[in-house]
PDB file of N, CA and C in Angstrom:
ATOM      1  N   UNK A   1       0.835  -1.204   0.000  1.00  0.00           N
ATOM      2  CA  UNK A   1       0.000   0.000   0.000  1.00  0.00           C
ATOM      3  C   UNK A   1       0.872   1.257   0.000  1.00  0.00           C
ATOM      4  N   UNK A   2       0.373   2.285  -0.638  1.00  0.00           N
ATOM      5  CA  UNK A   2       1.083   3.559  -0.627  1.00  0.00           C
ATOM      6  C   UNK A   2       0.814   4.295   0.675  1.00  0.00           C
ATOM      7  N   UNK A   3       1.776   5.069   1.110  1.00  0.00           N
ATOM      8  CA  UNK A   3       1.634   5.820   2.360  1.00  0.00           C
ATOM      9  C   UNK A   3       0.459   6.785   2.278  1.00  0.00           C
ATOM     10  N   UNK A   4       0.286   7.416   1.131  1.00  0.00           N
ATOM     11  CA  UNK A   4      -0.814   8.373   0.958  1.00  0.00           C
ATOM     12  C   UNK A   4      -2.151   7.670   1.146  1.00  0.00           C
ATOM     13  N   UNK A   5      -2.256   6.467   0.605  1.00  0.00           N
ATOM     14  CA  UNK A   5      -3.499   5.709   0.730  1.00  0.00           C
ATOM     15  C   UNK A   5      -3.760   5.359   2.188  1.00  0.00           C
ATOM     16  N   UNK A   6      -2.719   4.953   2.900  1.00  0.00           N
ATOM     17  CA  UNK A   6      -2.862   4.621   4.323  1.00  0.00           C
ATOM     18  C   UNK A   6      -3.338   5.835   5.109  1.00  0.00           C
ATOM     19  N   UNK A   7      -2.756   6.991   4.822  1.00  0.00           N
ATOM     20  CA  UNK A   7      -3.143   8.226   5.516  1.00  0.00           C
ATOM     21  C   UNK A   7      -4.589   8.588   5.203  1.00  0.00           C
ATOM     22  N   UNK A   8      -4.984   8.403   3.952  1.00  0.00           N
ATOM     23  CA  UNK A   8      -6.355   8.718   3.556  1.00  0.00           C
ATOM     24  C   UNK A   8      -7.341   7.807   4.284  1.00  0.00           C
ATOM     25  N   UNK A   9      -7.023   6.524   4.363  1.00  0.00           N
ATOM     26  CA  UNK A   9      -7.891   5.577   5.061  1.00  0.00           C
ATOM     27  C   UNK A   9      -7.967   5.912   6.543  1.00  0.00           C
ATOM     28  N   UNK A  10      -6.826   6.240   7.147  1.00  0.00           N
ATOM     29  CA  UNK A  10      -6.795   6.586   8.570  1.00  0.00           C
ATOM     30  C   UNK A  10      -7.652   7.820   8.828  1.00  0.00           C
ATOM     31  N   UNK A  11      -7.502   8.837   7.982  1.00  0.00           N
ATOM     32  CA  UNK A  11      -8.281  10.069   8.142  1.00  0.00           C
ATOM     33  C   UNK A  11      -9.770   9.780   7.991  1.00  0.00           C
ATOM     34  N   UNK A  12     -10.119   8.904   7.048  1.00  0.00           N
ATOM     35  CA  UNK A  12     -11.517   8.553   6.811  1.00  0.00           C
ATOM     36  C   UNK A  12     -12.120   7.863   8.024  1.00  0.00           C
ATOM     37  N   UNK A  13     -11.387   6.887   8.582  1.00  0.00           N
ATOM     38  CA  UNK A  13     -11.887   6.171   9.751  1.00  0.00           C
ATOM     39  C   UNK A  13     -12.002   7.090  10.960  1.00  0.00           C
ATOM     40  N   UNK A  14     -11.015   7.982  11.144  1.00  0.00           N
ATOM     41  CA  UNK A  14     -11.049   8.927  12.266  1.00  0.00           C
ATOM     42  C   UNK A  14     -12.253   9.856  12.125  1.00  0.00           C
ATOM     43  N   UNK A  15     -12.527  10.291  10.885  1.00  0.00           N
ATOM     44  CA  UNK A  15     -13.655  11.188  10.625  1.00  0.00           C
ATOM     45  C   UNK A  15     -14.975  10.510  10.991  1.00  0.00           C
ATOM     46  N   UNK A  16     -15.168   9.283  10.532  1.00  0.00           N
ATOM     47  CA  UNK A  16     -16.393   8.543  10.835  1.00  0.00           C
ATOM     48  C   UNK A  16     -16.491   8.268  12.326  1.00  0.00           C
ATOM     49  N   UNK A  17     -15.359   7.860  12.926  1.00  0.00           N
ATOM     50  CA  UNK A  17     -15.351   7.553  14.349  1.00  0.00           C
ATOM     51  C   UNK A  17     -15.723   8.786  15.164  1.00  0.00           C
ATOM     52  N   UNK A  18     -15.212   9.948  14.759  1.00  0.00           N
ATOM     53  CA  UNK A  18     -15.514  11.194  15.474  1.00  0.00           C
ATOM     54  C   UNK A  18     -17.006  11.492  15.430  1.00  0.00           C
ATOM     55  N   UNK A  19     -17.621  11.310  14.262  1.00  0.00           N
ATOM     56  CA  UNK A  19     -19.057  11.555  14.111  1.00  0.00           C
ATOM     57  C   UNK A  19     -19.847  10.597  15.002  1.00  0.00           C
ATOM     58  N   UNK A  20     -19.499   9.324  14.954  1.00  0.00           N
ATOM     59  CA  UNK A  20     -20.204   8.316  15.749  1.00  0.00           C
ATOM     60  C   UNK A  20     -20.023   8.584  17.234  1.00  0.00           C
ATOM     61  N   UNK A  21     -18.777   8.850  17.643  1.00  0.00           N
ATOM     62  CA  UNK A  21     -18.510   9.062  19.067  1.00  0.00           C
ATOM     63  C   UNK A  21     -19.195  10.326  19.569  1.00  0.00           C
ATOM     64  N   UNK A  22     -19.243  11.372  18.734  1.00  0.00           N
ATOM     65  CA  UNK A  22     -19.922  12.612  19.121  1.00  0.00           C
ATOM     66  C   UNK A  22     -21.401  12.340  19.362  1.00  0.00           C
ATOM     67  N   UNK A  23     -21.998  11.521  18.500  1.00  0.00           N
ATOM     68  CA  UNK A  23     -23.404  11.159  18.667  1.00  0.00           C
ATOM     69  C   UNK A  23     -23.627  10.404  19.966  1.00  0.00           C
ATOM     70  N   UNK A  24     -22.719   9.482  20.279  1.00  0.00           N
ATOM     71  CA  UNK A  24     -22.826   8.708  21.516  1.00  0.00           C
ATOM     72  C   UNK A  24     -22.630   9.628  22.719  1.00  0.00           C
ATOM     73  N   UNK A  25     -21.654  10.521  22.627  1.00  0.00           N
ATOM     74  CA  UNK A  25     -21.350  11.428  23.735  1.00  0.00           C
ATOM     75  C   UNK A  25     -22.541  12.332  24.040  1.00  0.00           C
ATOM     76  N   UNK A  26     -23.243  12.767  23.007  1.00  0.00           N
ATOM     77  CA  UNK A  26     -24.402  13.641  23.209  1.00  0.00           C
ATOM     78  C   UNK A  26     -25.552  12.873  23.850  1.00  0.00           C
ATOM     79  N   UNK A  27     -25.620  11.565  23.592  1.00  0.00           N
ATOM     80  CA  UNK A  27     -26.719  10.752  24.106  1.00  0.00           C
ATOM     81  C   UNK A  27     -26.438  10.218  25.509  1.00  0.00           C
ATOM     82  N   UNK A  28     -25.203  10.375  25.984  1.00  0.00           N
ATOM     83  CA  UNK A  28     -24.838   9.843  27.292  1.00  0.00           C
ATOM     84  C   UNK A  28     -24.223  10.926  28.166  1.00  0.00           C
ATOM     85  N   UNK A  29     -24.173  10.698  29.481  1.00  0.00           N
ATOM     86  CA  UNK A  29     -23.546  11.665  30.390  1.00  0.00           C
ATOM     87  C   UNK A  29     -22.063  11.849  30.077  1.00  0.00           C
ATOM     88  N   UNK A  30     -21.509  12.973  30.517  1.00  0.00           N
ATOM     89  CA  UNK A  30     -20.109  13.288  30.239  1.00  0.00           C
ATOM     90  C   UNK A  30     -19.188  12.237  30.847  1.00  0.00           C
ATOM     91  N   UNK A  31     -19.517  11.767  32.052  1.00  0.00           N
ATOM     92  CA  UNK A  31     -18.668  10.788  32.724  1.00  0.00           C
ATOM     93  C   UNK A  31     -18.504   9.534  31.867  1.00  0.00           C
ATOM     94  N   UNK A  32     -19.589   9.084  31.257  1.00  0.00           N
ATOM     95  CA  UNK A  32     -19.535   7.898  30.408  1.00  0.00           C
ATOM     96  C   UNK A  32     -18.628   8.155  29.207  1.00  0.00           C
ATOM     97  N   UNK A  33     -18.700   9.353  28.655  1.00  0.00           N
ATOM     98  CA  UNK A  33     -17.869   9.699  27.507  1.00  0.00           C
ATOM     99  C   UNK A  33     -16.393   9.676  27.890  1.00  0.00           C
ATOM    100  N   UNK A  34     -16.082  10.185  29.084  1.00  0.00           N
ATOM    101  CA  UNK A  34     -14.688  10.208  29.532  1.00  0.00           C
ATOM    102  C   UNK A  34     -14.163   8.789  29.688  1.00  0.00           C
ATOM    103  N   UNK A  35     -14.971   7.910  30.264  1.00  0.00           N
ATOM    104  CA  UNK A  35     -14.561   6.514  30.427  1.00  0.00           C
ATOM    105  C   UNK A  35     -14.358   5.878  29.056  1.00  0.00           C
ATOM    106  N   UNK A  36     -15.248   6.186  28.126  1.00  0.00           N
ATOM    107  CA  UNK A  36     -15.134   5.650  26.774  1.00  0.00           C
ATOM    108  C   UNK A  36     -13.854   6.106  26.103  1.00  0.00           C
ATOM    109  N   UNK A  37     -13.515   7.380  26.266  1.00  0.00           N
ATOM    110  CA  UNK A  37     -12.291   7.902  25.660  1.00  0.00           C
ATOM    111  C   UNK A  37     -11.066   7.227  26.264  1.00  0.00           C
ATOM    112  N   UNK A  38     -11.085   7.013  27.583  1.00  0.00           N
ATOM    113  CA  UNK A  38      -9.947   6.347  28.231  1.00  0.00           C
ATOM    114  C   UNK A  38      -9.797   4.932  27.685  1.00  0.00           C
ATOM    115  N   UNK A  39     -10.926   4.249  27.503  1.00  0.00           N
ATOM    116  CA  UNK A  39     -10.892   2.882  26.983  1.00  0.00           C
ATOM    117  C   UNK A  39     -10.315   2.874  25.571  1.00  0.00           C
ATOM    118  N   UNK A  40     -10.752   3.826  24.754  1.00  0.00           N
ATOM    119  CA  UNK A  40     -10.281   3.905  23.369  1.00  0.00           C
ATOM    120  C   UNK A  40      -8.788   4.208  23.327  1.00  0.00           C
ATOM    121  N   UNK A  41      -8.349   5.163  24.161  1.00  0.00           N
ATOM    122  CA  UNK A  41      -6.925   5.513  24.177  1.00  0.00           C
ATOM    123  C   UNK A  41      -6.085   4.322  24.603  1.00  0.00           C
ATOM    124  N   UNK A  42      -6.565   3.561  25.604  1.00  0.00           N
ATOM    125  CA  UNK A  42      -5.796   2.407  26.078  1.00  0.00           C
ATOM    126  C   UNK A  42      -5.714   1.345  24.982  1.00  0.00           C
ATOM    127  N   UNK A  43      -6.794   1.185  24.210  1.00  0.00           N
ATOM    128  CA  UNK A  43      -6.786   0.202  23.124  1.00  0.00           C
ATOM    129  C   UNK A  43      -5.827   0.633  22.018  1.00  0.00           C
ATOM    130  N   UNK A  44      -5.825   1.927  21.704  1.00  0.00           N
ATOM    131  CA  UNK A  44      -4.934   2.423  20.655  1.00  0.00           C
ATOM    132  C   UNK A  44      -3.484   2.353  21.100  1.00  0.00           C
ATOM    133  N   UNK A  45      -3.262   2.500  22.411  1.00  0.00           N
ATOM    134  CA  UNK A  45      -1.898   2.489  22.928  1.00  0.00           C
ATOM    135  C   UNK A  45      -1.259   1.118  22.870  1.00  0.00           C
ATOM    136  N   UNK A  46      -2.085   0.061  22.867  1.00  0.00           N
ATOM    137  CA  UNK A  46      -1.532  -1.295  22.886  1.00  0.00           C
ATOM    138  C   UNK A  46      -1.118  -1.784  21.512  1.00  0.00           C
TER     139      UNK A  46
END
């Protein structure tokens, strides 16, 4: 795969994920969103 293609795919997934997560965050309390973000960061870190 080309690096440009990888970056484009990553940006696309991040964009969709941001939209989905924003929708979830609006539907749930802030505390739940913070826990969700911590879980996501820990998964990405591994």
